[in-house]
C-alpha atoms as a PDB file:
ATOM      1  CA  MET A   1       0.265  -0.124  -0.071  1.00  0.00           C
ATOM      2  CA  SER A   2       1.455   3.530  -0.871  1.00  0.00           C
ATOM      3  CA  THR A   3       1.887   6.031   1.719  1.00  0.00           C
ATOM      4  CA  GLU A   4       1.545   8.944  -1.167  1.00  0.00           C
ATOM      5  CA  PRO A   5      -1.186  11.104  -1.160  1.00  0.00           C
ATOM      6  CA  SER A   6      -3.843  10.309  -4.047  1.00  0.00           C
ATOM      7  CA  ALA A   7      -4.065  12.848  -6.556  1.00  0.00           C
ATOM      8  CA  GLY A   8      -6.263  15.911  -5.582  1.00  0.00           C
ATOM      9  CA  ALA A   9      -6.443  14.894  -1.991  1.00  0.00           C
ATOM     10  CA  PRO A  10      -5.808  17.610   0.448  1.00  0.00           C
ATOM     11  CA  GLU A  11      -2.269  17.106   2.217  1.00  0.00           C
ATOM     12  CA  SER A  12      -2.235  15.956   5.723  1.00  0.00           C
ATOM     13  CA  SER A  13      -0.591  19.478   6.979  1.00  0.00           C
ATOM     14  CA  GLN A  14      -3.711  21.291   5.731  1.00  0.00           C
ATOM     15  CA  ALA A  15      -7.137  21.247   7.398  1.00  0.00           C
ATOM     16  CA  PRO A  16      -9.460  19.485   5.293  1.00  0.00           C
ATOM     17  CA  HIS A  17     -12.283  22.297   5.585  1.00  0.00           C
ATOM     18  CA  LEU A  18     -10.092  25.223   4.790  1.00  0.00           C
ATOM     19  CA  ASP A  19      -9.978  27.234   1.772  1.00  0.00           C
ATOM     20  CA  HIS A  20      -6.956  29.028   1.137  1.00  0.00           C
ATOM     21  CA  ARG A  21      -7.856  30.604  -2.175  1.00  0.00           C
ATOM     22  CA  ALA A  22      -9.524  34.081  -0.666  1.00  0.00           C
ATOM     23  CA  PHE A  23      -6.641  34.451   1.262  1.00  0.00           C
ATOM     24  CA  GLU A  24      -4.454  34.442  -1.568  1.00  0.00           C
ATOM     25  CA  ALA A  25      -6.951  36.228  -4.086  1.00  0.00           C
ATOM     26  CA  PHE A  26      -6.881  39.247  -1.951  1.00  0.00           C
ATOM     27  CA  SER A  27      -3.002  38.896  -0.988  1.00  0.00           C
ATOM     28  CA  MET A  28      -4.148  38.365   2.695  1.00  0.00           C
ATOM     29  CA  ARG A  29      -1.117  38.334   5.144  1.00  0.00           C
ATOM     30  CA  GLN A  30      -1.404  35.919   7.962  1.00  0.00           C
ATOM     31  CA  VAL A  31      -0.927  37.382  11.318  1.00  0.00           C
ATOM     32  CA  ASP A  32      -1.301  35.984  15.156  1.00  0.00           C
ATOM     33  CA  ASP A  33      -1.019  37.896  18.516  1.00  0.00           C
ATOM     34  CA  ALA A  34       2.634  38.447  18.216  1.00  0.00           C
ATOM     35  CA  SER A  35       2.475  39.887  14.684  1.00  0.00           C
ATOM     36  CA  ILE A  36      -0.746  41.779  14.254  1.00  0.00           C
ATOM     37  CA  ASP A  37       0.180  45.021  15.683  1.00  0.00           C
ATOM     38  CA  ALA A  38       3.528  45.281  13.590  1.00  0.00           C
ATOM     39  CA  ALA A  39       1.357  44.301  10.279  1.00  0.00           C
ATOM     40  CA  ILE A  40      -0.986  47.030  10.920  1.00  0.00           C
ATOM     41  CA  ALA A  41       1.707  49.392  11.509  1.00  0.00           C
ATOM     42  CA  ASP A  42       3.555  48.290   8.353  1.00  0.00           C
ATOM     43  CA  ALA A  43       0.252  49.250   6.008  1.00  0.00           C
ATOM     44  CA  GLY A  44       1.043  53.177   7.012  1.00  0.00           C
ATOM     45  CA  ASP A  45      -1.892  54.969   5.760  1.00  0.00           C
ATOM     46  CA  ALA A  46      -3.680  52.252   4.027  1.00  0.00           C
ATOM     47  CA  LEU A  47      -6.982  51.064   5.362  1.00  0.00           C
ATOM     48  CA  VAL A  48      -6.490  47.634   6.681  1.00  0.00           C
ATOM     49  CA  CYS A  49      -9.084  44.983   7.041  1.00  0.00           C
ATOM     50  CA  VAL A  50      -8.374  41.918   9.360  1.00  0.00           C
ATOM     51  CA  PHE A  51     -10.394  38.967   8.571  1.00  0.00           C
ATOM     52  CA  PHE A  52     -10.783  36.847  11.673  1.00  0.00           C
ATOM     53  CA  TRP A  53     -11.704  33.236  11.096  1.00  0.00           C
ATOM     54  CA  GLY A  54     -11.509  29.955  12.246  1.00  0.00           C
ATOM     55  CA  VAL A  55     -11.200  26.372  11.048  1.00  0.00           C
ATOM     56  CA  ASP A  56     -14.255  24.534  10.430  1.00  0.00           C
ATOM     57  CA  CYS A  57     -16.295  27.951  10.666  1.00  0.00           C
ATOM     58  CA  PHE A  58     -19.218  27.511   8.033  1.00  0.00           C
ATOM     59  CA  ASN A  59     -19.906  31.105   8.028  1.00  0.00           C
ATOM     60  CA  CYS A  60     -16.460  31.861   7.467  1.00  0.00           C
ATOM     61  CA  GLU A  61     -16.020  29.784   4.438  1.00  0.00           C
ATOM     62  CA  MET A  62     -19.105  31.008   3.299  1.00  0.00           C
ATOM     63  CA  ALA A  63     -17.900  34.604   3.288  1.00  0.00           C
ATOM     64  CA  LYS A  64     -14.674  33.581   1.525  1.00  0.00           C
ATOM     65  CA  LYS A  65     -16.755  31.836  -0.938  1.00  0.00           C
ATOM     66  CA  ALA A  66     -19.031  35.092  -1.628  1.00  0.00           C
ATOM     67  CA  MET A  67     -15.766  37.283  -1.681  1.00  0.00           C
ATOM     68  CA  LEU A  68     -14.286  34.985  -4.431  1.00  0.00           C
ATOM     69  CA  ALA A  69     -17.563  34.592  -6.536  1.00  0.00           C
ATOM     70  CA  ASN A  70     -17.319  38.413  -7.203  1.00  0.00           C
ATOM     71  CA  PRO A  71     -13.742  39.618  -6.459  1.00  0.00           C
ATOM     72  CA  GLU A  72     -13.655  42.688  -8.480  1.00  0.00           C
ATOM     73  CA  PRO A  73     -15.850  45.040  -6.035  1.00  0.00           C
ATOM     74  CA  ILE A  74     -13.838  43.688  -3.192  1.00  0.00           C
ATOM     75  CA  ARG A  75     -10.280  44.706  -4.838  1.00  0.00           C
ATOM     76  CA  ALA A  76     -12.050  47.996  -5.696  1.00  0.00           C
ATOM     77  CA  LEU A  77     -12.284  48.729  -1.987  1.00  0.00           C
ATOM     78  CA  GLU A  78      -8.467  49.034  -2.033  1.00  0.00           C
ATOM     79  CA  LEU A  79      -8.021  47.280   1.185  1.00  0.00           C
ATOM     80  CA  HIS A  80      -4.721  46.186   2.710  1.00  0.00           C
ATOM     81  CA  TRP A  81      -5.671  42.671   3.929  1.00  0.00           C
ATOM     82  CA  LEU A  82      -4.479  40.587   7.116  1.00  0.00           C
ATOM     83  CA  HIS A  83      -5.900  37.452   8.394  1.00  0.00           C
ATOM     84  CA  ALA A  84      -6.005  35.774  11.708  1.00  0.00           C
ATOM     85  CA  ASN A  85      -7.507  32.380  12.848  1.00  0.00           C
ATOM     86  CA  VAL A  86      -8.722  32.813  16.059  1.00  0.00           C
ATOM     87  CA  TYR A  87      -9.115  29.564  17.071  1.00  0.00           C
ATOM     88  CA  ALA A  88      -5.399  28.936  16.839  1.00  0.00           C
ATOM     89  CA  TYR A  89      -4.905  32.220  18.744  1.00  0.00           C
ATOM     90  CA  PRO A  90      -7.800  32.756  20.993  1.00  0.00           C
ATOM     91  CA  GLU A  91      -6.084  35.896  22.815  1.00  0.00           C
ATOM     92  CA  LEU A  92      -6.961  37.778  19.542  1.00  0.00           C
ATOM     93  CA  GLY A  93     -10.759  37.010  20.132  1.00  0.00           C
ATOM     94  CA  ARG A  94     -10.391  38.386  23.603  1.00  0.00           C
ATOM     95  CA  ARG A  95      -8.511  41.445  22.932  1.00  0.00           C
ATOM     96  CA  PHE A  96     -10.689  42.518  20.089  1.00  0.00           C
ATOM     97  CA  GLY A  97     -14.071  41.340  21.872  1.00  0.00           C
ATOM     98  CA  LEU A  98     -14.988  38.773  19.033  1.00  0.00           C
ATOM     99  CA  HIS A  99     -18.054  36.857  20.301  1.00  0.00           C
ATOM    100  CA  GLY A 100     -18.495  35.030  16.913  1.00  0.00           C
ATOM    101  CA  ILE A 101     -16.860  34.803  13.380  1.00  0.00           C
ATOM    102  CA  PRO A 102     -16.262  35.858  10.796  1.00  0.00           C
ATOM    103  CA  VAL A 103     -15.462  39.362  11.845  1.00  0.00           C
ATOM    104  CA  PHE A 104     -13.868  42.118   9.317  1.00  0.00           C
ATOM    105  CA  MET A 105     -12.020  44.715  11.669  1.00  0.00           C
ATOM    106  CA  PHE A 106     -10.748  47.950  10.280  1.00  0.00           C
ATOM    107  CA  PHE A 107      -7.538  50.090  11.105  1.00  0.00           C
ATOM    108  CA  GLN A 108      -5.734  52.918   9.958  1.00  0.00           C
ATOM    109  CA  ASN A 109      -2.391  54.033  11.298  1.00  0.00           C
ATOM    110  CA  GLY A 110      -2.783  51.796  14.155  1.00  0.00           C
ATOM    111  CA  LYS A 111      -5.986  53.126  15.038  1.00  0.00           C
ATOM    112  CA  LYS A 112      -9.142  51.033  14.994  1.00  0.00           C
ATOM    113  CA  LEU A 113     -12.124  52.312  12.934  1.00  0.00           C
ATOM    114  CA  GLY A 114     -14.746  49.708  13.128  1.00  0.00           C
ATOM    115  CA  ARG A 115     -15.772  46.192  12.162  1.00  0.00           C
ATOM    116  CA  ALA A 116     -18.390  44.371  10.269  1.00  0.00           C
ATOM    117  CA  THR A 117     -19.587  41.201  11.984  1.00  0.00           C
ATOM    118  CA  GLY A 118     -20.513  38.251   9.636  1.00  0.00           C
ATOM    119  CA  TRP A 119     -20.783  38.368   5.843  1.00  0.00           C
ATOM    120  CA  HIS A 120     -24.282  40.002   4.935  1.00  0.00           C
ATOM    121  CA  GLY A 121     -23.207  40.544   1.182  1.00  0.00           C
ATOM    122  CA  HIS A 122     -20.916  43.186  -0.670  1.00  0.00           C
ATOM    123  CA  GLY A 123     -23.334  46.030  -0.159  1.00  0.00           C
ATOM    124  CA  GLN A 124     -23.016  45.834   3.877  1.00  0.00           C
ATOM    125  CA  PHE A 125     -19.344  45.109   3.601  1.00  0.00           C
ATOM    126  CA  ALA A 126     -18.609  48.256   1.270  1.00  0.00           C
ATOM    127  CA  ALA A 127     -20.721  50.418   3.667  1.00  0.00           C
ATOM    128  CA  ALA A 128     -18.615  49.286   6.568  1.00  0.00           C
ATOM    129  CA  VAL A 129     -15.575  50.277   4.782  1.00  0.00           C
ATOM    130  CA  GLY A 130     -17.001  53.534   4.141  1.00  0.00           C
ATOM    131  CA  ASN A 131     -17.791  54.235   7.613  1.00  0.00           C
ATOM    132  CA  ALA A 132     -14.176  53.210   8.276  1.00  0.00           C
ATOM    133  CA  ARG A 133     -12.773  55.823   5.950  1.00  0.00           C
ATOM    134  CA  LEU A 134     -15.371  58.676   7.198  1.00  0.00           C
ATOM    135  CA  LYS A 135     -14.168  57.868  10.581  1.00  0.00           C
ATOM    136  CA  ALA A 136     -10.515  58.065   9.729  1.00  0.00           C
ATOM    137  CA  SER A 137     -11.190  61.424   7.918  1.00  0.00           C
ATOM    138  CA  GLY A 138     -13.144  62.642  11.219  1.00  0.00           C
ATOM    139  CA  LYS A 139     -16.563  62.911   9.084  1.00  0.00           C
ATOM    140  CA  PRO A 140     -19.621  61.552  10.435  1.00  0.00           C
ATOM    141  CA  LEU A 141     -20.850  58.413   9.841  1.00  0.00           C
ATOM    142  CA  ALA A 142     -23.093  57.515   7.169  1.00  0.00           C
ATOM    143  CA  GLY A 143     -26.445  56.351   8.453  1.00  0.00           C
END
């Protein structure tokens, strides 16, 4: 019997219910509790979106699939993407007050500007990005 993985089978080092394509498609840099602050600072003036997710999180996988199904409007938002597995780094969940995932949290110049909890479609996500940009500029938030 062969010990080689069969063609098309996931490697044992990769979780069976984890699709990395969205991370790659949007050039999301992986962060953890030790690297998140430096990664946000490294983005400079760019609007940072941290995608907090977890392995085997159905809603996280659905969010990634939706983003991949129509990536151009997401790219048009010109976000600097980071991602963090809060199941592997639960201290991030505690630090940022996460009570469920997925959560998309926005930062600029190290300042937290807002969040989108869950994936409720591109329109709602784009509105959260718009509100983060308004907050960064000191303008009132959209209703």
